[in-house]
Amino acid sequence: MTDTATTTTATEATVTPQNYILYRTAARMWQREYFYTDGIAYTPPAATVSEAVGTVVGVQSFTSLTGVTAPEGYAYALDADGKYPVGSIYTPSTEYTLSGASTATAGTPLMLILTPNNDGPGTDTTVTLSDGNAGGTFSADTVTFNGCTNTARTVTYTPKAAGTVTISVTNTGALTNPANLSVAVAAATA
């Protein structure tokens, strides 16, 4: 007799749970109760923020967020490194930057730096680089920003020939792409 609960086939994939945080996308407000006498001008006290936007309210383990919906006023973010415990503040990235020199020499690598703002994107986000078919080469055509991590990523770009090259980037997340980087490329010296 075969125990089917422990039998696996080569086509079954092992799925590893990952750490996700649930954080506030809207502040939790509190306003104390107040009493006043009718006919007397009275200004009620201002509301107080009891939990700010970005407050982490839960940590959960999921294999994916497929079919998982965050309640209104909340969102999930992939925190694989476990950097954001309950009570901490997580501010998701909304954009990223592309920086590098505006001048280069054909055949000589130029360093490009891509950096997400705030605390990093809510999920792993892939950025694809392009030189508009100018013929240059990147050390990597893509880089990945890990969820809840604002670590800069670097690549090199080696222009092929003299002229002006426009480097552009796109991403798989909802981040705003930076402006294109225009690089004036000088001819290689002999």
Protein backbone atom coordinates (compact mmCIF):
# COMPACT_ATOMS: atom_id res chain seq x y z
CA MET A 1 0.00 0.00 0.00
CA THR A 2 1.34 3.45 -0.94
CA ASP A 3 0.94 6.45 1.33
CA THR A 4 -0.27 9.13 -1.11
CA ALA A 5 0.20 11.91 1.43
CA THR A 6 3.98 11.56 1.27
CA THR A 7 4.36 10.70 -2.43
CA THR A 8 5.46 13.51 -4.71
CA THR A 9 6.18 13.63 -8.39
CA ALA A 10 8.91 15.44 -10.30
CA THR A 11 6.34 17.89 -11.68
CA GLU A 12 5.28 19.16 -8.25
CA ALA A 13 7.03 22.35 -7.27
CA THR A 14 8.03 23.18 -3.73
CA VAL A 15 6.41 26.42 -2.66
CA THR A 16 8.10 28.36 0.11
CA PRO A 17 6.07 30.73 2.27
CA GLN A 18 7.34 34.31 2.47
CA ASN A 19 6.98 37.03 5.08
CA TYR A 20 4.40 39.73 4.30
CA ILE A 21 3.46 42.75 6.37
CA LEU A 22 0.03 44.32 6.59
CA TYR A 23 0.35 48.10 6.94
CA ARG A 24 -1.96 51.10 7.07
CA THR A 25 -2.58 53.12 3.91
CA ALA A 26 -4.89 55.44 5.86
CA ALA A 27 -4.26 56.81 9.34
CA ARG A 28 -6.32 55.59 12.29
CA MET A 29 -7.88 58.63 13.91
CA TRP A 30 -9.24 59.21 17.40
CA GLN A 31 -11.33 62.06 18.71
CA ARG A 32 -12.21 62.28 22.36
CA GLU A 33 -15.81 62.56 23.39
CA TYR A 34 -16.85 66.09 24.30
CA PHE A 35 -19.84 67.74 25.95
CA TYR A 36 -20.99 71.35 25.85
CA THR A 37 -23.95 73.52 26.84
CA ASP A 38 -26.49 74.34 24.13
CA GLY A 39 -26.29 77.92 22.96
CA ILE A 40 -22.64 78.43 23.93
CA ALA A 41 -20.13 78.67 21.09
CA TYR A 42 -17.84 75.68 21.27
CA THR A 43 -15.16 74.29 19.00
CA PRO A 44 -14.73 70.53 19.27
CA PRO A 45 -11.18 69.24 19.80
CA ALA A 46 -9.18 68.21 16.76
CA ALA A 47 -8.88 64.55 15.92
CA THR A 48 -5.67 62.80 16.94
CA VAL A 49 -3.74 60.28 14.89
CA SER A 50 -3.48 57.07 16.90
CA GLU A 51 -1.79 55.02 14.14
CA ALA A 52 -0.05 56.80 11.27
CA VAL A 53 -0.07 55.85 7.62
CA GLY A 54 2.52 53.11 7.16
CA THR A 55 2.09 51.56 10.62
CA VAL A 56 2.66 47.81 10.39
CA VAL A 57 -0.27 46.10 12.10
CA GLY A 58 0.45 42.47 11.22
CA VAL A 59 3.01 40.02 9.91
CA GLN A 60 1.84 36.97 7.99
CA SER A 61 3.34 34.13 5.99
CA PHE A 62 1.94 33.46 2.50
CA THR A 63 3.16 31.51 -0.51
CA SER A 64 1.71 34.33 -2.66
CA LEU A 65 -0.90 37.07 -2.46
CA THR A 66 -3.06 35.42 -5.11
CA GLY A 67 -6.62 35.55 -3.82
CA VAL A 68 -5.65 37.60 -0.76
CA THR A 69 -7.31 40.99 -0.40
CA ALA A 70 -6.24 43.53 2.17
CA PRO A 71 -9.05 45.27 4.07
CA GLU A 72 -9.88 48.85 3.09
CA GLY A 73 -7.23 51.24 4.42
CA TYR A 74 -4.52 48.55 4.43
CA ALA A 75 -2.07 46.92 2.01
CA TYR A 76 0.34 43.99 2.01
CA ALA A 77 4.05 44.24 1.24
CA LEU A 78 6.64 41.50 0.79
CA ASP A 79 9.13 41.78 3.67
CA ALA A 80 11.36 38.76 2.99
CA ASP A 81 14.07 40.06 5.33
CA GLY A 82 11.66 40.63 8.24
CA LYS A 83 12.79 44.24 8.71
CA TYR A 84 9.37 45.62 9.67
CA PRO A 85 7.88 44.25 12.93
CA VAL A 86 4.42 45.16 14.15
CA GLY A 87 4.38 48.80 15.26
CA SER A 88 7.12 49.94 12.88
CA ILE A 89 6.50 52.30 9.96
CA TYR A 90 6.79 51.19 6.34
CA THR A 91 6.56 53.78 3.56
CA PRO A 92 6.34 52.12 0.14
CA SER A 93 8.31 53.35 -2.83
CA THR A 94 6.41 55.38 -5.38
CA GLU A 95 9.29 56.01 -7.77
CA TYR A 96 12.99 55.37 -8.34
CA THR A 97 15.93 57.28 -9.76
CA LEU A 98 18.37 56.57 -12.57
CA SER A 99 21.73 58.30 -12.28
CA GLY A 100 25.01 58.17 -14.13
CA ALA A 101 27.48 60.42 -15.93
CA SER A 102 26.18 62.46 -18.85
CA THR A 103 29.39 61.90 -20.82
CA ALA A 104 31.21 58.72 -21.77
CA THR A 105 33.70 57.27 -24.23
CA ALA A 106 32.80 54.55 -26.73
CA GLY A 107 33.99 51.15 -25.49
CA THR A 108 34.44 52.33 -21.90
CA PRO A 109 31.94 51.18 -19.24
CA LEU A 110 29.78 53.79 -17.52
CA MET A 111 28.23 53.07 -14.11
CA LEU A 112 24.45 53.50 -13.75
CA ILE A 113 22.74 53.59 -10.36
CA LEU A 114 19.05 52.80 -9.82
CA THR A 115 17.56 53.61 -6.40
CA PRO A 116 13.98 53.24 -5.12
CA ASN A 117 12.69 56.00 -2.85
CA ASN A 118 11.27 55.55 0.66
CA ASP A 119 11.47 52.02 2.15
CA GLY A 120 11.35 50.07 -1.12
CA PRO A 121 8.53 48.66 -3.25
CA GLY A 122 5.76 46.52 -1.79
CA THR A 123 6.86 43.52 -3.84
CA ASP A 124 9.90 42.43 -5.82
CA THR A 125 10.05 44.78 -8.82
CA THR A 126 12.09 44.19 -11.96
CA VAL A 127 13.54 47.18 -13.84
CA THR A 128 14.49 46.76 -17.51
CA LEU A 129 17.13 49.03 -19.09
CA SER A 130 17.31 50.05 -22.73
CA ASP A 131 19.60 52.19 -24.89
CA GLY A 132 17.03 52.53 -27.67
CA ASN A 133 18.87 50.03 -29.91
CA ALA A 134 22.05 52.13 -29.92
CA GLY A 135 24.11 48.93 -29.85
CA GLY A 136 25.71 49.32 -26.42
CA THR A 137 25.77 46.61 -23.79
CA PHE A 138 24.60 46.52 -20.19
CA SER A 139 26.28 44.29 -17.59
CA ALA A 140 22.69 43.22 -16.85
CA ASP A 141 19.59 44.20 -18.86
CA THR A 142 17.46 43.99 -15.70
CA VAL A 143 17.82 44.63 -11.99
CA THR A 144 15.43 43.73 -9.18
CA PHE A 145 14.40 45.88 -6.25
CA ASN A 146 13.43 43.50 -3.44
CA GLY A 147 10.23 44.11 -1.51
CA CYS A 148 10.58 46.44 1.49
CA THR A 149 14.21 47.16 0.58
CA ASN A 150 15.51 50.47 -0.78
CA THR A 151 18.95 49.17 -1.76
CA ALA A 152 20.46 50.85 -4.82
CA ARG A 153 21.31 48.59 -7.76
CA THR A 154 24.22 49.27 -10.09
CA VAL A 155 24.90 48.15 -13.65
CA THR A 156 27.45 49.24 -16.20
CA TYR A 157 26.68 50.36 -19.69
CA THR A 158 29.32 50.25 -22.43
CA PRO A 159 28.43 52.50 -25.38
CA LYS A 160 29.30 51.12 -28.80
CA ALA A 161 29.97 54.29 -30.82
CA ALA A 162 30.20 58.07 -30.60
CA GLY A 163 26.96 60.04 -30.54
CA THR A 164 24.14 60.66 -28.08
CA VAL A 165 22.62 57.66 -26.34
CA THR A 166 19.33 57.77 -24.45
CA ILE A 167 19.05 55.27 -21.61
CA SER A 168 15.51 54.53 -20.47
CA VAL A 169 14.00 52.22 -17.86
CA THR A 170 10.64 50.53 -17.23
CA ASN A 171 9.47 48.45 -14.28
CA THR A 172 7.08 45.61 -13.51
CA GLY A 173 5.62 47.35 -10.46
CA ALA A 174 3.59 50.51 -10.16
CA LEU A 175 6.64 52.74 -9.61
CA THR A 176 6.96 55.98 -11.56
CA ASN A 177 9.85 55.64 -14.01
CA PRO A 178 12.56 58.32 -13.91
CA ALA A 179 13.39 60.61 -16.80
CA ASN A 180 15.62 59.17 -19.50
CA LEU A 181 19.36 59.65 -19.10
CA SER A 182 21.03 61.31 -22.09
CA VAL A 183 24.71 60.42 -22.51
CA ALA A 184 27.04 62.21 -24.93
CA VAL A 185 29.47 59.55 -26.12
CA ALA A 186 32.89 60.55 -27.46
CA ALA A 187 34.79 58.42 -29.95
CA ALA A 188 37.34 56.03 -28.48
CA THR A 189 40.91 57.31 -28.61
CA ALA A 190 43.37 55.24 -30.58
